[in-house]
Amino acid sequence: MAVNDPIADFLTRIRNAQMAKHDAAEMPHSKMKVEVARILKEQGYINDYSERGAGAEKKLVIELKYDPDGRRAITGLRRMSRPGRRVYRKQASIPRVLDGLGVAILSTSRGILTDHEARRAGIGGEVLCFVY
């Protein structure tokens, strides 16, 4: 099945797997999804991610993170830029998520970065999503 917005599909699969208390979420592979997963791991929102298979059958598997009480590490995922309405921000106007407690993920000329990294580098870009 063709997907118009692969990043929204990525976020929805993670959101649905967490609501169902699954240990992992599996989705079709892409380089951008791997970079977003890398940021989620660096920021402590997921345990790990791995790539399985080869060619057209390649999958990305996200290992979800829960605390000992069963509460999920990611309480919210919000897609900002969509195919029908792209959201670009300069370095000075990159949004802060929950006053710095969450993370905005941006696609920049230097790759996929968090809002903190983009501000530090002095560059803006397309705001892909908010994670908190």
Protein backbone atom coordinates (compact mmCIF):
# COMPACT_ATOMS: atom_id res chain seq x y z
CA MET A 1 0.00 0.00 0.00
CA ALA A 2 1.37 3.42 -0.98
CA VAL A 3 1.73 5.99 1.78
CA ASN A 4 1.49 9.71 1.00
CA ASP A 5 3.21 10.87 4.19
CA PRO A 6 5.78 8.34 5.44
CA ILE A 7 6.77 10.39 8.51
CA ALA A 8 3.13 10.65 9.67
CA ASP A 9 2.81 6.88 9.13
CA PHE A 10 6.02 6.36 11.19
CA LEU A 11 4.67 8.47 14.08
CA THR A 12 1.24 6.82 13.95
CA ARG A 13 2.73 3.31 14.08
CA ILE A 14 4.74 4.27 17.17
CA ARG A 15 1.70 5.92 18.79
CA ASN A 16 -0.55 2.91 18.09
CA ALA A 17 2.04 0.38 19.32
CA GLN A 18 2.44 2.28 22.57
CA MET A 19 -1.31 2.54 23.11
CA ALA A 20 -1.51 -1.26 22.68
CA LYS A 21 1.51 -1.73 25.04
CA HIS A 22 3.56 -3.53 22.37
CA ASP A 23 7.30 -3.98 22.90
CA ALA A 24 8.17 -2.95 19.34
CA ALA A 25 6.76 -1.24 16.26
CA GLU A 26 7.65 -2.43 12.76
CA MET A 27 7.43 -0.29 9.62
CA PRO A 28 8.85 0.03 6.10
CA HIS A 29 12.45 1.30 6.04
CA SER A 30 13.65 4.69 4.81
CA LYS A 31 16.76 6.76 5.51
CA MET A 32 14.73 9.62 6.99
CA LYS A 33 12.87 7.28 9.37
CA VAL A 34 16.21 5.83 10.52
CA GLU A 35 17.51 9.35 11.27
CA VAL A 36 14.36 10.24 13.23
CA ALA A 37 14.69 6.94 15.15
CA ARG A 38 18.35 7.81 15.88
CA ILE A 39 17.27 11.12 17.41
CA LEU A 40 14.51 9.42 19.44
CA LYS A 41 17.11 7.00 20.84
CA GLU A 42 19.63 9.78 21.59
CA GLN A 43 16.95 11.75 23.44
CA GLY A 44 15.88 8.69 25.47
CA TYR A 45 12.39 8.24 24.02
CA ILE A 46 12.98 4.69 22.70
CA ASN A 47 15.22 1.80 23.78
CA ASP A 48 16.70 0.98 20.39
CA TYR A 49 16.01 0.56 16.68
CA SER A 50 17.18 -1.97 14.14
CA GLU A 51 16.96 -2.64 10.43
CA ARG A 52 15.85 -6.08 9.19
CA GLY A 53 15.68 -7.60 5.75
CA ALA A 54 17.05 -6.31 2.46
CA GLY A 55 15.88 -4.50 -0.64
CA ALA A 56 12.18 -3.73 -0.94
CA GLU A 57 11.41 -5.95 2.06
CA LYS A 58 13.65 -3.96 4.44
CA LYS A 59 11.94 -3.06 7.74
CA LEU A 60 12.70 -0.67 10.56
CA VAL A 61 11.92 -2.02 14.04
CA ILE A 62 11.57 0.43 16.94
CA GLU A 63 11.89 -1.00 20.47
CA LEU A 64 9.58 1.09 22.63
CA LYS A 65 10.44 2.32 26.11
CA TYR A 66 8.25 2.11 29.22
CA ASP A 67 8.96 2.90 32.87
CA PRO A 68 8.61 0.18 35.58
CA ASP A 69 4.95 1.19 36.14
CA GLY A 70 4.14 0.65 32.45
CA ARG A 71 3.86 4.34 31.50
CA ARG A 72 5.25 5.12 28.06
CA ALA A 73 8.29 7.35 27.55
CA ILE A 74 6.66 9.19 24.63
CA THR A 75 3.50 10.92 25.82
CA GLY A 76 2.93 12.84 22.61
CA LEU A 77 3.91 12.82 18.94
CA ARG A 78 2.71 15.62 16.69
CA ARG A 79 3.37 15.97 12.95
CA MET A 80 3.99 19.61 12.07
CA SER A 81 4.99 19.78 8.40
CA ARG A 82 2.75 17.85 6.03
CA PRO A 83 2.89 17.29 2.27
CA GLY A 84 0.02 19.78 1.83
CA ARG A 85 1.48 22.41 4.17
CA ARG A 86 5.21 22.55 4.73
CA VAL A 87 6.42 24.37 7.86
CA TYR A 88 9.82 26.06 7.61
CA ARG A 89 11.46 28.08 10.40
CA LYS A 90 14.57 30.23 10.57
CA GLN A 91 17.01 29.65 13.40
CA ALA A 92 15.56 32.53 15.44
CA SER A 93 11.99 31.21 15.27
CA ILE A 94 12.49 27.46 15.84
CA PRO A 95 9.72 26.47 18.28
CA ARG A 96 10.40 25.22 21.81
CA VAL A 97 8.37 22.15 22.72
CA LEU A 98 6.87 22.27 26.24
CA ASP A 99 9.31 25.04 27.15
CA GLY A 100 12.32 22.84 26.39
CA LEU A 101 11.04 19.58 27.91
CA GLY A 102 10.12 18.13 24.52
CA VAL A 103 12.01 17.98 21.23
CA ALA A 104 11.27 19.41 17.80
CA ILE A 105 12.82 17.38 14.97
CA LEU A 106 13.92 19.39 11.93
CA SER A 107 15.13 18.52 8.46
CA THR A 108 18.00 20.91 7.73
CA SER A 109 20.75 21.34 5.18
CA ARG A 110 22.99 19.42 7.63
CA GLY A 111 20.61 16.49 8.00
CA ILE A 112 17.93 15.64 10.57
CA LEU A 113 18.57 17.60 13.79
CA THR A 114 16.81 18.41 17.06
CA ASP A 115 15.74 21.97 17.78
CA HIS A 116 18.63 22.33 20.28
CA GLU A 117 21.24 21.22 17.72
CA ALA A 118 19.79 23.46 15.00
CA ARG A 119 19.84 26.52 17.28
CA ARG A 120 23.42 25.75 18.31
CA ALA A 121 24.44 25.36 14.64
CA GLY A 122 22.62 28.57 13.71
CA ILE A 123 20.47 27.02 10.99
CA GLY A 124 16.76 26.58 10.37
CA GLY A 125 14.82 24.07 8.35
CA GLU A 126 11.58 22.16 7.93
CA VAL A 127 9.91 21.30 11.26
CA LEU A 128 8.99 17.61 10.89
CA CYS A 129 7.44 16.82 14.27
CA PHE A 130 7.24 17.45 18.01
CA VAL A 131 8.02 14.70 20.53
CA TYR A 132 7.22 15.01 24.23
